[in-house]
Amino acid sequence: MPAVTIRNLSNETHRALKVLAAQHNRSTEAEMRAILEAAARPEGRLRLGTTLANMSRQIGLTNADVEVLEQTRDSKPAEPLRFE
């Protein structure tokens, strides 16, 4: 698991984190981890796979439709662009 070092954190911020941690009955490290998780992965974030699946259901896309699309797709890779 990765480790993170935070340099130049002010004493005031560190004290505030310790107070928050105590209020939530966890260590300062656990409090920082929770804050980072909430900031980087908010609950209301857009999840692309889930969104696409929901859209497909709403328009009535079926597995048979996807199979037809896969059969008609060109299996030959596209030629790269040339800028000459």
C-alpha atoms as a PDB file:
ATOM      1  CA  MET A   1       0.000   0.000   0.000  1.00  0.00           C
ATOM      2  CA  PRO A   2       1.397   3.426  -0.889  1.00  0.00           C
ATOM      3  CA  ALA A   3       2.578   5.814   1.789  1.00  0.00           C
ATOM      4  CA  VAL A   4       2.323   9.598   1.586  1.00  0.00           C
ATOM      5  CA  THR A   5       4.439  12.185   3.354  1.00  0.00           C
ATOM      6  CA  ILE A   6       3.032  15.679   3.796  1.00  0.00           C
ATOM      7  CA  ARG A   7       5.732  18.277   4.258  1.00  0.00           C
ATOM      8  CA  ASN A   8       5.420  21.834   5.557  1.00  0.00           C
ATOM      9  CA  LEU A   9       2.066  21.314   7.247  1.00  0.00           C
ATOM     10  CA  SER A  10       1.450  24.205   9.618  1.00  0.00           C
ATOM     11  CA  ASN A  11       1.246  23.527  13.327  1.00  0.00           C
ATOM     12  CA  GLU A  12      -2.277  24.965  13.367  1.00  0.00           C
ATOM     13  CA  THR A  13      -3.454  22.546  10.699  1.00  0.00           C
ATOM     14  CA  HIS A  14      -1.816  19.616  12.462  1.00  0.00           C
ATOM     15  CA  ARG A  15      -3.490  20.556  15.735  1.00  0.00           C
ATOM     16  CA  ALA A  16      -6.847  20.921  13.965  1.00  0.00           C
ATOM     17  CA  LEU A  17      -6.419  17.444  12.448  1.00  0.00           C
ATOM     18  CA  LYS A  18      -5.644  16.010  15.884  1.00  0.00           C
ATOM     19  CA  VAL A  19      -8.797  17.615  17.286  1.00  0.00           C
ATOM     20  CA  LEU A  20     -10.913  16.269  14.414  1.00  0.00           C
ATOM     21  CA  ALA A  21      -9.406  12.822  14.908  1.00  0.00           C
ATOM     22  CA  ALA A  22     -10.227  12.887  18.600  1.00  0.00           C
ATOM     23  CA  GLN A  23     -13.805  13.965  17.833  1.00  0.00           C
ATOM     24  CA  HIS A  24     -14.182  11.009  15.473  1.00  0.00           C
ATOM     25  CA  ASN A  25     -12.449   8.585  17.879  1.00  0.00           C
ATOM     26  CA  ARG A  26      -9.637   7.708  15.510  1.00  0.00           C
ATOM     27  CA  SER A  27      -5.934   8.363  15.079  1.00  0.00           C
ATOM     28  CA  THR A  28      -4.623  11.442  13.309  1.00  0.00           C
ATOM     29  CA  GLU A  29      -3.399   9.220  10.494  1.00  0.00           C
ATOM     30  CA  ALA A  30      -6.826   7.583  10.129  1.00  0.00           C
ATOM     31  CA  GLU A  31      -8.437  11.030  10.106  1.00  0.00           C
ATOM     32  CA  MET A  32      -6.134  12.216   7.312  1.00  0.00           C
ATOM     33  CA  ARG A  33      -6.858   9.037   5.374  1.00  0.00           C
ATOM     34  CA  ALA A  34     -10.615   9.603   5.731  1.00  0.00           C
ATOM     35  CA  ILE A  35     -10.297  13.231   4.601  1.00  0.00           C
ATOM     36  CA  LEU A  36      -8.237  12.256   1.551  1.00  0.00           C
ATOM     37  CA  GLU A  37     -10.641   9.438   0.616  1.00  0.00           C
ATOM     38  CA  ALA A  38     -13.641  11.769   0.868  1.00  0.00           C
ATOM     39  CA  ALA A  39     -11.915  14.432  -1.233  1.00  0.00           C
ATOM     40  CA  ALA A  40     -10.573  12.105  -3.918  1.00  0.00           C
ATOM     41  CA  ARG A  41     -13.549   9.737  -4.124  1.00  0.00           C
ATOM     42  CA  PRO A  42     -16.737  11.605  -3.192  1.00  0.00           C
ATOM     43  CA  GLU A  43     -19.909   9.540  -2.892  1.00  0.00           C
ATOM     44  CA  GLY A  44     -21.732  11.544  -5.549  1.00  0.00           C
ATOM     45  CA  ARG A  45     -19.006  11.123  -8.166  1.00  0.00           C
ATOM     46  CA  LEU A  46     -19.888  10.075 -11.675  1.00  0.00           C
ATOM     47  CA  ARG A  47     -19.211   6.409 -12.274  1.00  0.00           C
ATOM     48  CA  LEU A  48     -18.900   5.973 -16.015  1.00  0.00           C
ATOM     49  CA  GLY A  49     -19.661   2.253 -16.191  1.00  0.00           C
ATOM     50  CA  THR A  50     -22.762   2.529 -14.030  1.00  0.00           C
ATOM     51  CA  THR A  51     -23.955   5.578 -15.957  1.00  0.00           C
ATOM     52  CA  LEU A  52     -23.517   3.864 -19.331  1.00  0.00           C
ATOM     53  CA  ALA A  53     -25.310   0.730 -18.109  1.00  0.00           C
ATOM     54  CA  ASN A  54     -28.229   2.834 -16.843  1.00  0.00           C
ATOM     55  CA  MET A  55     -28.445   4.738 -20.125  1.00  0.00           C
ATOM     56  CA  SER A  56     -28.447   1.461 -22.069  1.00  0.00           C
ATOM     57  CA  ARG A  57     -31.306   0.138 -19.945  1.00  0.00           C
ATOM     58  CA  GLN A  58     -33.285   3.348 -20.399  1.00  0.00           C
ATOM     59  CA  ILE A  59     -33.108   3.169 -24.194  1.00  0.00           C
ATOM     60  CA  GLY A  60     -33.813  -0.562 -24.210  1.00  0.00           C
ATOM     61  CA  LEU A  61     -30.427  -1.790 -25.450  1.00  0.00           C
ATOM     62  CA  THR A  62     -30.184  -5.573 -25.150  1.00  0.00           C
ATOM     63  CA  ASN A  63     -27.346  -8.092 -25.288  1.00  0.00           C
ATOM     64  CA  ALA A  64     -28.547  -9.057 -28.769  1.00  0.00           C
ATOM     65  CA  ASP A  65     -28.054  -5.452 -29.892  1.00  0.00           C
ATOM     66  CA  VAL A  66     -24.513  -5.444 -28.546  1.00  0.00           C
ATOM     67  CA  GLU A  67     -23.760  -8.764 -30.287  1.00  0.00           C
ATOM     68  CA  VAL A  68     -24.922  -7.340 -33.626  1.00  0.00           C
ATOM     69  CA  LEU A  69     -22.689  -4.310 -33.130  1.00  0.00           C
ATOM     70  CA  GLU A  70     -19.716  -6.557 -32.341  1.00  0.00           C
ATOM     71  CA  GLN A  71     -20.333  -8.693 -35.441  1.00  0.00           C
ATOM     72  CA  THR A  72     -20.498  -5.688 -37.761  1.00  0.00           C
ATOM     73  CA  ARG A  73     -17.481  -3.943 -36.261  1.00  0.00           C
ATOM     74  CA  ASP A  74     -14.420  -3.908 -38.468  1.00  0.00           C
ATOM     75  CA  SER A  75     -11.806  -6.168 -36.875  1.00  0.00           C
ATOM     76  CA  LYS A  76      -8.962  -4.614 -38.868  1.00  0.00           C
ATOM     77  CA  PRO A  77      -7.168  -1.910 -36.866  1.00  0.00           C
ATOM     78  CA  ALA A  78      -7.421   1.617 -38.215  1.00  0.00           C
ATOM     79  CA  GLU A  79      -4.536   3.007 -40.191  1.00  0.00           C
ATOM     80  CA  PRO A  80      -2.598   5.702 -38.351  1.00  0.00           C
ATOM     81  CA  LEU A  81      -2.928   9.257 -39.628  1.00  0.00           C
ATOM     82  CA  ARG A  82      -0.140  10.581 -41.797  1.00  0.00           C
ATOM     83  CA  PHE A  83       0.844  14.210 -41.644  1.00  0.00           C
ATOM     84  CA  GLU A  84       2.946  14.606 -44.777  1.00  0.00           C
END
